[in-house]
Amino acid sequence: ALAQLVEKGADVNAVGEDEDGNQSTPLWWAARGMPPGYDDEGELEGEEETEMVESGLALSKLLVEKGADVHAVGKDRYGNPSTPLWWAARSVIYGKEGGPALAQLLV
């Protein structure tokens, strides 16, 4: 759905808020969605994790190609600031699939 919006000209640097009022961009969320392999219900494994990584990488690539700000700072649910590259680095540190590819895309 987001990819279709981007292809139709949606603002790739639009800032949205989560339920706690923390602001971030679509690229921040795409990068955040990859590491460290968790969803709201626990650790992801196998095909589920692979699908999440592949979709996160594809969406991140599309957003960067369309001009997303790779330096945009977002905040997690605790209000801690971070960038998409920070999430990529975290993926690398945790040895998660796709981390190096995401980091390479963002630098």
PDB file of N, CA and C in Angstrom:
ATOM      1  N   ALA A   1       0.825  -1.189   0.000  1.00  0.00           N
ATOM      2  CA  ALA A   1       0.000   0.000   0.000  1.00  0.00           C
ATOM      3  C   ALA A   1       0.871   1.257   0.000  1.00  0.00           C
ATOM      4  N   LEU A   2       1.892   1.305   0.864  1.00  0.00           N
ATOM      5  CA  LEU A   2       2.763   2.479   0.912  1.00  0.00           C
ATOM      6  C   LEU A   2       3.518   2.644  -0.396  1.00  0.00           C
ATOM      7  N   ALA A   3       3.979   1.544  -0.967  1.00  0.00           N
ATOM      8  CA  ALA A   3       4.706   1.618  -2.238  1.00  0.00           C
ATOM      9  C   ALA A   3       3.828   2.233  -3.320  1.00  0.00           C
ATOM     10  N   GLN A   4       2.553   1.884  -3.352  1.00  0.00           N
ATOM     11  CA  GLN A   4       1.638   2.454  -4.339  1.00  0.00           C
ATOM     12  C   GLN A   4       1.462   3.950  -4.117  1.00  0.00           C
ATOM     13  N   LEU A   5       1.365   4.369  -2.872  1.00  0.00           N
ATOM     14  CA  LEU A   5       1.243   5.799  -2.574  1.00  0.00           C
ATOM     15  C   LEU A   5       2.484   6.555  -3.018  1.00  0.00           C
ATOM     16  N   VAL A   6       3.652   5.985  -2.747  1.00  0.00           N
ATOM     17  CA  VAL A   6       4.911   6.620  -3.141  1.00  0.00           C
ATOM     18  C   VAL A   6       4.986   6.734  -4.657  1.00  0.00           C
ATOM     19  N   GLU A   7       4.630   5.678  -5.349  1.00  0.00           N
ATOM     20  CA  GLU A   7       4.659   5.700  -6.814  1.00  0.00           C
ATOM     21  C   GLU A   7       3.705   6.752  -7.378  1.00  0.00           C
ATOM     22  N   LYS A   8       2.654   7.070  -6.647  1.00  0.00           N
ATOM     23  CA  LYS A   8       1.689   8.075  -7.104  1.00  0.00           C
ATOM     24  C   LYS A   8       2.040   9.476  -6.614  1.00  0.00           C
ATOM     25  N   GLY A   9       3.224   9.627  -5.976  1.00  0.00           N
ATOM     26  CA  GLY A   9       3.693  10.952  -5.606  1.00  0.00           C
ATOM     27  C   GLY A   9       3.539  11.354  -4.153  1.00  0.00           C
ATOM     28  N   ALA A  10       3.238  10.426  -3.271  1.00  0.00           N
ATOM     29  CA  ALA A  10       3.126  10.763  -1.850  1.00  0.00           C
ATOM     30  C   ALA A  10       4.459  11.306  -1.336  1.00  0.00           C
ATOM     31  N   ASP A  11       4.400  12.176  -0.353  1.00  0.00           N
ATOM     32  CA  ASP A  11       5.591  12.785   0.240  1.00  0.00           C
ATOM     33  C   ASP A  11       6.370  11.727   1.026  1.00  0.00           C
ATOM     34  N   VAL A  12       7.560  11.374   0.531  1.00  0.00           N
ATOM     35  CA  VAL A  12       8.367  10.336   1.187  1.00  0.00           C
ATOM     36  C   VAL A  12       9.005  10.831   2.480  1.00  0.00           C
ATOM     37  N   ASN A  13       8.926  12.132   2.726  1.00  0.00           N
ATOM     38  CA  ASN A  13       9.478  12.691   3.958  1.00  0.00           C
ATOM     39  C   ASN A  13       8.385  13.182   4.903  1.00  0.00           C
ATOM     40  N   ALA A  14       7.167  12.740   4.664  1.00  0.00           N
ATOM     41  CA  ALA A  14       6.066  13.118   5.551  1.00  0.00           C
ATOM     42  C   ALA A  14       6.363  12.604   6.954  1.00  0.00           C
ATOM     43  N   VAL A  15       6.055  13.415   7.934  1.00  0.00           N
ATOM     44  CA  VAL A  15       6.293  13.030   9.325  1.00  0.00           C
ATOM     45  C   VAL A  15       4.966  12.614   9.942  1.00  0.00           C
ATOM     46  N   GLY A  16       4.971  11.434  10.513  1.00  0.00           N
ATOM     47  CA  GLY A  16       3.780  10.932  11.191  1.00  0.00           C
ATOM     48  C   GLY A  16       4.069  10.727  12.664  1.00  0.00           C
ATOM     49  N   GLU A  17       3.022  10.525  13.430  1.00  0.00           N
ATOM     50  CA  GLU A  17       3.168  10.302  14.871  1.00  0.00           C
ATOM     51  C   GLU A  17       2.606   8.942  15.256  1.00  0.00           C
ATOM     52  N   ASP A  18       3.280   8.304  16.217  1.00  0.00           N
ATOM     53  CA  ASP A  18       2.722   7.074  16.767  1.00  0.00           C
ATOM     54  C   ASP A  18       1.734   7.435  17.877  1.00  0.00           C
ATOM     55  N   GLU A  19       1.178   6.435  18.525  1.00  0.00           N
ATOM     56  CA  GLU A  19       0.168   6.687  19.555  1.00  0.00           C
ATOM     57  C   GLU A  19       0.703   7.449  20.764  1.00  0.00           C
ATOM     58  N   ASP A  20       2.027   7.505  20.916  1.00  0.00           N
ATOM     59  CA  ASP A  20       2.633   8.237  22.027  1.00  0.00           C
ATOM     60  C   ASP A  20       3.088   9.634  21.624  1.00  0.00           C
ATOM     61  N   GLY A  21       2.834  10.021  20.368  1.00  0.00           N
ATOM     62  CA  GLY A  21       3.222  11.349  19.903  1.00  0.00           C
ATOM     63  C   GLY A  21       4.640  11.444  19.382  1.00  0.00           C
ATOM     64  N   ASN A  22       5.342  10.316  19.258  1.00  0.00           N
ATOM     65  CA  ASN A  22       6.705  10.324  18.728  1.00  0.00           C
ATOM     66  C   ASN A  22       6.653  10.409  17.210  1.00  0.00           C
ATOM     67  N   GLN A  23       7.414  11.348  16.650  1.00  0.00           N
ATOM     68  CA  GLN A  23       7.378  11.589  15.214  1.00  0.00           C
ATOM     69  C   GLN A  23       8.488  10.845  14.481  1.00  0.00           C
ATOM     70  N   SER A  24       8.174  10.396  13.257  1.00  0.00           N
ATOM     71  CA  SER A  24       9.168   9.728  12.417  1.00  0.00           C
ATOM     72  C   SER A  24       8.665   9.680  10.977  1.00  0.00           C
ATOM     73  N   THR A  25       9.562   9.287  10.077  1.00  0.00           N
ATOM     74  CA  THR A  25       9.272   9.269   8.646  1.00  0.00           C
ATOM     75  C   THR A  25       9.047   7.835   8.144  1.00  0.00           C
ATOM     76  N   PRO A  26       8.519   7.691   6.930  1.00  0.00           N
ATOM     77  CA  PRO A  26       8.340   6.339   6.388  1.00  0.00           C
ATOM     78  C   PRO A  26       9.648   5.539   6.309  1.00  0.00           C
ATOM     79  N   LEU A  27      10.759   6.194   5.934  1.00  0.00           N
ATOM     80  CA  LEU A  27      12.035   5.472   5.863  1.00  0.00           C
ATOM     81  C   LEU A  27      12.465   5.003   7.241  1.00  0.00           C
ATOM     82  N   TRP A  28      12.262   5.821   8.247  1.00  0.00           N
ATOM     83  CA  TRP A  28      12.598   5.429   9.618  1.00  0.00           C
ATOM     84  C   TRP A  28      11.815   4.169   9.984  1.00  0.00           C
ATOM     85  N   TRP A  29      10.515   4.143   9.654  1.00  0.00           N
ATOM     86  CA  TRP A  29       9.698   2.976   9.979  1.00  0.00           C
ATOM     87  C   TRP A  29      10.099   1.752   9.178  1.00  0.00           C
ATOM     88  N   ALA A  30      10.445   1.950   7.908  1.00  0.00           N
ATOM     89  CA  ALA A  30      10.876   0.814   7.079  1.00  0.00           C
ATOM     90  C   ALA A  30      12.145   0.197   7.657  1.00  0.00           C
ATOM     91  N   ALA A  31      13.092   1.051   8.055  1.00  0.00           N
ATOM     92  CA  ALA A  31      14.339   0.557   8.649  1.00  0.00           C
ATOM     93  C   ALA A  31      14.079  -0.038  10.031  1.00  0.00           C
ATOM     94  N   ARG A  32      13.235   0.581  10.795  1.00  0.00           N
ATOM     95  CA  ARG A  32      12.910   0.119  12.143  1.00  0.00           C
ATOM     96  C   ARG A  32      12.228  -1.249  12.103  1.00  0.00           C
ATOM     97  N   GLY A  33      11.472  -1.498  11.066  1.00  0.00           N
ATOM     98  CA  GLY A  33      10.734  -2.749  10.970  1.00  0.00           C
ATOM     99  C   GLY A  33      11.592  -3.974  10.761  1.00  0.00           C
ATOM    100  N   MET A  34      12.870  -3.791  10.401  1.00  0.00           N
ATOM    101  CA  MET A  34      13.733  -4.945  10.127  1.00  0.00           C
ATOM    102  C   MET A  34      14.379  -5.519  11.376  1.00  0.00           C
ATOM    103  N   PRO A  35      15.138  -4.762  12.132  1.00  0.00           N
ATOM    104  CA  PRO A  35      15.845  -5.352  13.267  1.00  0.00           C
ATOM    105  C   PRO A  35      15.047  -5.239  14.539  1.00  0.00           C
ATOM    106  N   PRO A  36      15.354  -5.984  15.523  1.00  0.00           N
ATOM    107  CA  PRO A  36      16.225  -7.144  15.483  1.00  0.00           C
ATOM    108  C   PRO A  36      15.476  -8.429  15.198  1.00  0.00           C
ATOM    109  N   GLY A  37      14.378  -8.345  14.466  1.00  0.00           N
ATOM    110  CA  GLY A  37      13.620  -9.544  14.144  1.00  0.00           C
ATOM    111  C   GLY A  37      12.466  -9.786  15.091  1.00  0.00           C
ATOM    112  N   TYR A  38      11.867  -8.718  15.590  1.00  0.00           N
ATOM    113  CA  TYR A  38      10.741  -8.847  16.506  1.00  0.00           C
ATOM    114  C   TYR A  38       9.518  -8.155  15.930  1.00  0.00           C
ATOM    115  N   ASP A  39       8.367  -8.644  16.305  1.00  0.00           N
ATOM    116  CA  ASP A  39       7.146  -7.895  16.079  1.00  0.00           C
ATOM    117  C   ASP A  39       6.538  -7.663  17.459  1.00  0.00           C
ATOM    118  N   ASP A  40       5.324  -7.190  17.526  1.00  0.00           N
ATOM    119  CA  ASP A  40       4.716  -6.886  18.819  1.00  0.00           C
ATOM    120  C   ASP A  40       4.432  -8.130  19.658  1.00  0.00           C
ATOM    121  N   GLU A  41       4.518  -9.291  19.043  1.00  0.00           N
ATOM    122  CA  GLU A  41       4.185 -10.520  19.754  1.00  0.00           C
ATOM    123  C   GLU A  41       5.391 -11.400  20.051  1.00  0.00           C
ATOM    124  N   GLY A  42       6.589 -10.942  19.738  1.00  0.00           N
ATOM    125  CA  GLY A  42       7.771 -11.735  20.039  1.00  0.00           C
ATOM    126  C   GLY A  42       8.704 -11.866  18.857  1.00  0.00           C
ATOM    127  N   GLU A  43       9.654 -12.776  18.978  1.00  0.00           N
ATOM    128  CA  GLU A  43      10.685 -12.937  17.958  1.00  0.00           C
ATOM    129  C   GLU A  43      10.147 -13.589  16.692  1.00  0.00           C
ATOM    130  N   LEU A  44      10.593 -13.052  15.563  1.00  0.00           N
ATOM    131  CA  LEU A  44      10.236 -13.622  14.268  1.00  0.00           C
ATOM    132  C   LEU A  44      11.329 -14.581  13.840  1.00  0.00           C
ATOM    133  N   GLU A  45      10.943 -15.625  13.155  1.00  0.00           N
ATOM    134  CA  GLU A  45      11.922 -16.599  12.693  1.00  0.00           C
ATOM    135  C   GLU A  45      11.563 -17.078  11.298  1.00  0.00           C
ATOM    136  N   GLY A  46      12.540 -17.652  10.628  1.00  0.00           N
ATOM    137  CA  GLY A  46      12.317 -18.321   9.352  1.00  0.00           C
ATOM    138  C   GLY A  46      11.709 -17.444   8.282  1.00  0.00           C
ATOM    139  N   GLU A  47      10.690 -17.987   7.620  1.00  0.00           N
ATOM    140  CA  GLU A  47      10.056 -17.293   6.499  1.00  0.00           C
ATOM    141  C   GLU A  47       9.481 -15.947   6.898  1.00  0.00           C
ATOM    142  N   GLU A  48       8.904 -15.879   8.082  1.00  0.00           N
ATOM    143  CA  GLU A  48       8.301 -14.634   8.554  1.00  0.00           C
ATOM    144  C   GLU A  48       9.349 -13.527   8.632  1.00  0.00           C
ATOM    145  N   GLU A  49      10.515 -13.849   9.189  1.00  0.00           N
ATOM    146  CA  GLU A  49      11.587 -12.863   9.287  1.00  0.00           C
ATOM    147  C   GLU A  49      12.118 -12.516   7.899  1.00  0.00           C
ATOM    148  N   THR A  50      12.295 -13.509   7.033  1.00  0.00           N
ATOM    149  CA  THR A  50      12.795 -13.267   5.680  1.00  0.00           C
ATOM    150  C   THR A  50      11.857 -12.342   4.918  1.00  0.00           C
ATOM    151  N   GLU A  51      10.555 -12.577   5.017  1.00  0.00           N
ATOM    152  CA  GLU A  51       9.579 -11.722   4.340  1.00  0.00           C
ATOM    153  C   GLU A  51       9.642 -10.295   4.860  1.00  0.00           C
ATOM    154  N   MET A  52       9.786 -10.141   6.169  1.00  0.00           N
ATOM    155  CA  MET A  52       9.860  -8.807   6.759  1.00  0.00           C
ATOM    156  C   MET A  52      11.109  -8.079   6.269  1.00  0.00           C
ATOM    157  N   VAL A  53      12.229  -8.779   6.222  1.00  0.00           N
ATOM    158  CA  VAL A  53      13.482  -8.185   5.760  1.00  0.00           C
ATOM    159  C   VAL A  53      13.371  -7.782   4.294  1.00  0.00           C
ATOM    160  N   GLU A  54      12.871  -8.682   3.464  1.00  0.00           N
ATOM    161  CA  GLU A  54      12.759  -8.386   2.036  1.00  0.00           C
ATOM    162  C   GLU A  54      11.836  -7.204   1.777  1.00  0.00           C
ATOM    163  N   SER A  55      10.711  -7.147   2.460  1.00  0.00           N
ATOM    164  CA  SER A  55       9.795  -6.030   2.241  1.00  0.00           C
ATOM    165  C   SER A  55      10.375  -4.738   2.796  1.00  0.00           C
ATOM    166  N   GLY A  56      11.072  -4.815   3.931  1.00  0.00           N
ATOM    167  CA  GLY A  56      11.712  -3.624   4.498  1.00  0.00           C
ATOM    168  C   GLY A  56      12.795  -3.078   3.594  1.00  0.00           C
ATOM    169  N   LEU A  57      13.600  -3.961   3.008  1.00  0.00           N
ATOM    170  CA  LEU A  57      14.651  -3.527   2.079  1.00  0.00           C
ATOM    171  C   LEU A  57      14.054  -2.928   0.813  1.00  0.00           C
ATOM    172  N   ALA A  58      13.053  -3.583   0.259  1.00  0.00           N
ATOM    173  CA  ALA A  58      12.429  -3.088  -0.969  1.00  0.00           C
ATOM    174  C   ALA A  58      11.790  -1.723  -0.737  1.00  0.00           C
ATOM    175  N   LEU A  59      11.095  -1.571   0.364  1.00  0.00           N
ATOM    176  CA  LEU A  59      10.456  -0.298   0.663  1.00  0.00           C
ATOM    177  C   LEU A  59      11.501   0.779   0.942  1.00  0.00           C
ATOM    178  N   SER A  60      12.545   0.434   1.687  1.00  0.00           N
ATOM    179  CA  SER A  60      13.621   1.398   1.963  1.00  0.00           C
ATOM    180  C   SER A  60      14.269   1.862   0.669  1.00  0.00           C
ATOM    181  N   LYS A  61      14.524   0.930  -0.235  1.00  0.00           N
ATOM    182  CA  LYS A  61      15.138   1.278  -1.522  1.00  0.00           C
ATOM    183  C   LYS A  61      14.238   2.223  -2.307  1.00  0.00           C
ATOM    184  N   LEU A  62      12.961   1.918  -2.380  1.00  0.00           N
ATOM    185  CA  LEU A  62      12.018   2.775  -3.088  1.00  0.00           C
ATOM    186  C   LEU A  62      11.987   4.175  -2.478  1.00  0.00           C
ATOM    187  N   LEU A  63      11.921   4.253  -1.159  1.00  0.00           N
ATOM    188  CA  LEU A  63      11.873   5.550  -0.489  1.00  0.00           C
ATOM    189  C   LEU A  63      13.131   6.366  -0.756  1.00  0.00           C
ATOM    190  N   VAL A  64      14.299   5.720  -0.696  1.00  0.00           N
ATOM    191  CA  VAL A  64      15.562   6.423  -0.969  1.00  0.00           C
ATOM    192  C   VAL A  64      15.594   6.894  -2.421  1.00  0.00           C
ATOM    193  N   GLU A  65      15.187   6.034  -3.337  1.00  0.00           N
ATOM    194  CA  GLU A  65      15.158   6.413  -4.759  1.00  0.00           C
ATOM    195  C   GLU A  65      14.245   7.609  -5.006  1.00  0.00           C
ATOM    196  N   LYS A  66      13.192   7.733  -4.215  1.00  0.00           N
ATOM    197  CA  LYS A  66      12.230   8.825  -4.384  1.00  0.00           C
ATOM    198  C   LYS A  66      12.594  10.056  -3.549  1.00  0.00           C
ATOM    199  N   GLY A  67      13.783  10.029  -2.916  1.00  0.00           N
ATOM    200  CA  GLY A  67      14.268  11.221  -2.220  1.00  0.00           C
ATOM    201  C   GLY A  67      14.070  11.268  -0.724  1.00  0.00           C
ATOM    202  N   ALA A  68      13.798  10.146  -0.090  1.00  0.00           N
ATOM    203  CA  ALA A  68      13.639  10.146   1.366  1.00  0.00           C
ATOM    204  C   ALA A  68      14.928  10.596   2.042  1.00  0.00           C
ATOM    205  N   ASP A  69      14.785  11.368   3.098  1.00  0.00           N
ATOM    206  CA  ASP A  69      15.922  11.882   3.859  1.00  0.00           C
ATOM    207  C   ASP A  69      16.490  10.764   4.736  1.00  0.00           C
ATOM    208  N   VAL A  70      17.678  10.281   4.374  1.00  0.00           N
ATOM    209  CA  VAL A  70      18.283   9.181   5.133  1.00  0.00           C
ATOM    210  C   VAL A  70      18.785   9.640   6.500  1.00  0.00           C
ATOM    211  N   HIS A  71      18.834  10.951   6.715  1.00  0.00           N
ATOM    212  CA  HIS A  71      19.316  11.498   7.987  1.00  0.00           C
ATOM    213  C   HIS A  71      18.177  11.918   8.919  1.00  0.00           C
ATOM    214  N   ALA A  72      16.950  11.725   8.492  1.00  0.00           N
ATOM    215  CA  ALA A  72      15.809  12.137   9.313  1.00  0.00           C
ATOM    216  C   ALA A  72      15.806  11.370  10.634  1.00  0.00           C
ATOM    217  N   VAL A  73      15.578  12.098  11.701  1.00  0.00           N
ATOM    218  CA  VAL A  73      15.567  11.504  13.035  1.00  0.00           C
ATOM    219  C   VAL A  73      14.130  11.196  13.435  1.00  0.00           C
ATOM    220  N   GLY A  74      13.929   9.986  13.893  1.00  0.00           N
ATOM    221  CA  GLY A  74      12.636   9.578  14.427  1.00  0.00           C
ATOM    222  C   GLY A  74      12.813   9.172  15.879  1.00  0.00           C
ATOM    223  N   LYS A  75      11.713   8.931  16.552  1.00  0.00           N
ATOM    224  CA  LYS A  75      11.783   8.507  17.952  1.00  0.00           C
ATOM    225  C   LYS A  75      11.011   7.209  18.135  1.00  0.00           C
ATOM    226  N   ASP A  76      11.591   6.322  18.955  1.00  0.00           N
ATOM    227  CA  ASP A  76      10.908   5.063  19.247  1.00  0.00           C
ATOM    228  C   ASP A  76       9.840   5.279  20.316  1.00  0.00           C
ATOM    229  N   ARG A  77       9.200   4.211  20.725  1.00  0.00           N
ATOM    230  CA  ARG A  77       8.088   4.345  21.673  1.00  0.00           C
ATOM    231  C   ARG A  77       8.502   4.891  23.035  1.00  0.00           C
ATOM    232  N   TYR A  78       9.802   4.894  23.309  1.00  0.00           N
ATOM    233  CA  TYR A  78      10.297   5.445  24.563  1.00  0.00           C
ATOM    234  C   TYR A  78      10.788   6.879  24.397  1.00  0.00           C
ATOM    235  N   GLY A  79      10.680   7.412  23.172  1.00  0.00           N
ATOM    236  CA  GLY A  79      11.125   8.771  22.901  1.00  0.00           C
ATOM    237  C   GLY A  79      12.600   8.889  22.587  1.00  0.00           C
ATOM    238  N   ASN A  80      13.288   7.757  22.398  1.00  0.00           N
ATOM    239  CA  ASN A  80      14.715   7.778  22.073  1.00  0.00           C
ATOM    240  C   ASN A  80      14.906   8.120  20.597  1.00  0.00           C
ATOM    241  N   PRO A  81      15.728   9.137  20.291  1.00  0.00           N
ATOM    242  CA  PRO A  81      15.949   9.512  18.895  1.00  0.00           C
ATOM    243  C   PRO A  81      16.897   8.551  18.190  1.00  0.00           C
ATOM    244  N   SER A  82      16.639   8.338  16.898  1.00  0.00           N
ATOM    245  CA  SER A  82      17.505   7.489  16.086  1.00  0.00           C
ATOM    246  C   SER A  82      17.240   7.785  14.613  1.00  0.00           C
ATOM    247  N   THR A  83      18.137   7.307  13.767  1.00  0.00           N
ATOM    248  CA  THR A  83      18.005   7.467  12.318  1.00  0.00           C
ATOM    249  C   THR A  83      17.832   6.089  11.675  1.00  0.00           C
ATOM    250  N   PRO A  84      17.454   6.051  10.397  1.00  0.00           N
ATOM    251  CA  PRO A  84      17.390   4.758   9.717  1.00  0.00           C
ATOM    252  C   PRO A  84      18.731   4.011   9.765  1.00  0.00           C
ATOM    253  N   LEU A  85      19.839   4.746   9.652  1.00  0.00           N
ATOM    254  CA  LEU A  85      21.150   4.091   9.701  1.00  0.00           C
ATOM    255  C   LEU A  85      21.400   3.459  11.068  1.00  0.00           C
ATOM    256  N   TRP A  86      20.914   4.074  12.123  1.00  0.00           N
ATOM    257  CA  TRP A  86      21.057   3.491  13.460  1.00  0.00           C
ATOM    258  C   TRP A  86      20.373   2.130  13.500  1.00  0.00           C
ATOM    259  N   TRP A  87      19.170   2.041  12.901  1.00  0.00           N
ATOM    260  CA  TRP A  87      18.465   0.757  12.873  1.00  0.00           C
ATOM    261  C   TRP A  87      19.207  -0.262  12.021  1.00  0.00           C
ATOM    262  N   ALA A  88      19.803   0.201  10.917  1.00  0.00           N
ATOM    263  CA  ALA A  88      20.595  -0.711  10.081  1.00  0.00           C
ATOM    264  C   ALA A  88      21.796  -1.237  10.865  1.00  0.00           C
ATOM    265  N   ALA A  89      22.471  -0.343  11.591  1.00  0.00           N
ATOM    266  CA  ALA A  89      23.625  -0.756  12.397  1.00  0.00           C
ATOM    267  C   ALA A  89      23.199  -1.775  13.452  1.00  0.00           C
ATOM    268  N   ARG A  90      22.053  -1.556  14.028  1.00  0.00           N
ATOM    269  CA  ARG A  90      21.552  -2.502  15.026  1.00  0.00           C
ATOM    270  C   ARG A  90      21.318  -3.879  14.397  1.00  0.00           C
ATOM    271  N   SER A  91      20.813  -3.882  13.173  1.00  0.00           N
ATOM    272  CA  SER A  91      20.625  -5.151  12.452  1.00  0.00           C
ATOM    273  C   SER A  91      21.947  -5.872  12.260  1.00  0.00           C
ATOM    274  N   VAL A  92      22.972  -5.111  11.888  1.00  0.00           N
ATOM    275  CA  VAL A  92      24.298  -5.699  11.670  1.00  0.00           C
ATOM    276  C   VAL A  92      24.827  -6.270  12.981  1.00  0.00           C
ATOM    277  N   ILE A  93      24.732  -5.496  14.046  1.00  0.00           N
ATOM    278  CA  ILE A  93      25.230  -5.933  15.358  1.00  0.00           C
ATOM    279  C   ILE A  93      24.560  -7.236  15.794  1.00  0.00           C
ATOM    280  N   TYR A  94      23.259  -7.336  15.569  1.00  0.00           N
ATOM    281  CA  TYR A  94      22.522  -8.530  15.970  1.00  0.00           C
ATOM    282  C   TYR A  94      22.626  -9.661  14.958  1.00  0.00           C
ATOM    283  N   GLY A  95      23.395  -9.438  13.876  1.00  0.00           N
ATOM    284  CA  GLY A  95      23.586 -10.476  12.872  1.00  0.00           C
ATOM    285  C   GLY A  95      22.329 -10.807  12.099  1.00  0.00           C
ATOM    286  N   LYS A  96      21.460  -9.825  11.964  1.00  0.00           N
ATOM    287  CA  LYS A  96      20.188 -10.069  11.300  1.00  0.00           C
ATOM    288  C   LYS A  96      20.308  -9.959   9.794  1.00  0.00           C
ATOM    289  N   GLU A  97      19.575 -10.796   9.130  1.00  0.00           N
ATOM    290  CA  GLU A  97      19.498 -10.824   7.682  1.00  0.00           C
ATOM    291  C   GLU A  97      19.086  -9.439   7.165  1.00  0.00           C
ATOM    292  N   GLY A  98      19.779  -8.948   6.164  1.00  0.00           N
ATOM    293  CA  GLY A  98      19.413  -7.684   5.543  1.00  0.00           C
ATOM    294  C   GLY A  98      20.066  -6.458   6.145  1.00  0.00           C
ATOM    295  N   GLY A  99      20.648  -6.573   7.326  1.00  0.00           N
ATOM    296  CA  GLY A  99      21.279  -5.424   7.975  1.00  0.00           C
ATOM    297  C   GLY A  99      22.367  -4.782   7.133  1.00  0.00           C
ATOM    298  N   PRO A 100      23.335  -5.560   6.640  1.00  0.00           N
ATOM    299  CA  PRO A 100      24.389  -4.964   5.809  1.00  0.00           C
ATOM    300  C   PRO A 100      23.840  -4.318   4.535  1.00  0.00           C
ATOM    301  N   ALA A 101      22.857  -4.940   3.908  1.00  0.00           N
ATOM    302  CA  ALA A 101      22.280  -4.373   2.682  1.00  0.00           C
ATOM    303  C   ALA A 101      21.580  -3.051   2.974  1.00  0.00           C
ATOM    304  N   LEU A 102      20.875  -2.970   4.086  1.00  0.00           N
ATOM    305  CA  LEU A 102      20.206  -1.728   4.463  1.00  0.00           C
ATOM    306  C   LEU A 102      21.233  -0.644   4.766  1.00  0.00           C
ATOM    307  N   ALA A 103      22.272  -0.991   5.515  1.00  0.00           N
ATOM    308  CA  ALA A 103      23.316  -0.011   5.836  1.00  0.00           C
ATOM    309  C   ALA A 103      23.971   0.514   4.564  1.00  0.00           C
ATOM    310  N   GLN A 104      24.273  -0.376   3.648  1.00  0.00           N
ATOM    311  CA  GLN A 104      24.907   0.025   2.389  1.00  0.00           C
ATOM    312  C   GLN A 104      23.990   0.955   1.598  1.00  0.00           C
ATOM    313  N   LEU A 105      22.718   0.679   1.590  1.00  0.00           N
ATOM    314  CA  LEU A 105      21.755   1.526   0.896  1.00  0.00           C
ATOM    315  C   LEU A 105      21.741   2.939   1.471  1.00  0.00           C
ATOM    316  N   LEU A 106      21.893   3.050   2.776  1.00  0.00           N
ATOM    317  CA  LEU A 106      21.738   4.334   3.452  1.00  0.00           C
ATOM    318  C   LEU A 106      22.992   5.199   3.478  1.00  0.00           C
ATOM    319  N   VAL A 107      24.152   4.626   3.156  1.00  0.00           N
ATOM    320  CA  VAL A 107      25.385   5.444   3.187  1.00  0.00           C
ATOM    321  C   VAL A 107      25.845   5.851   1.813  1.00  0.00           C
TER     322      VAL A 107
END
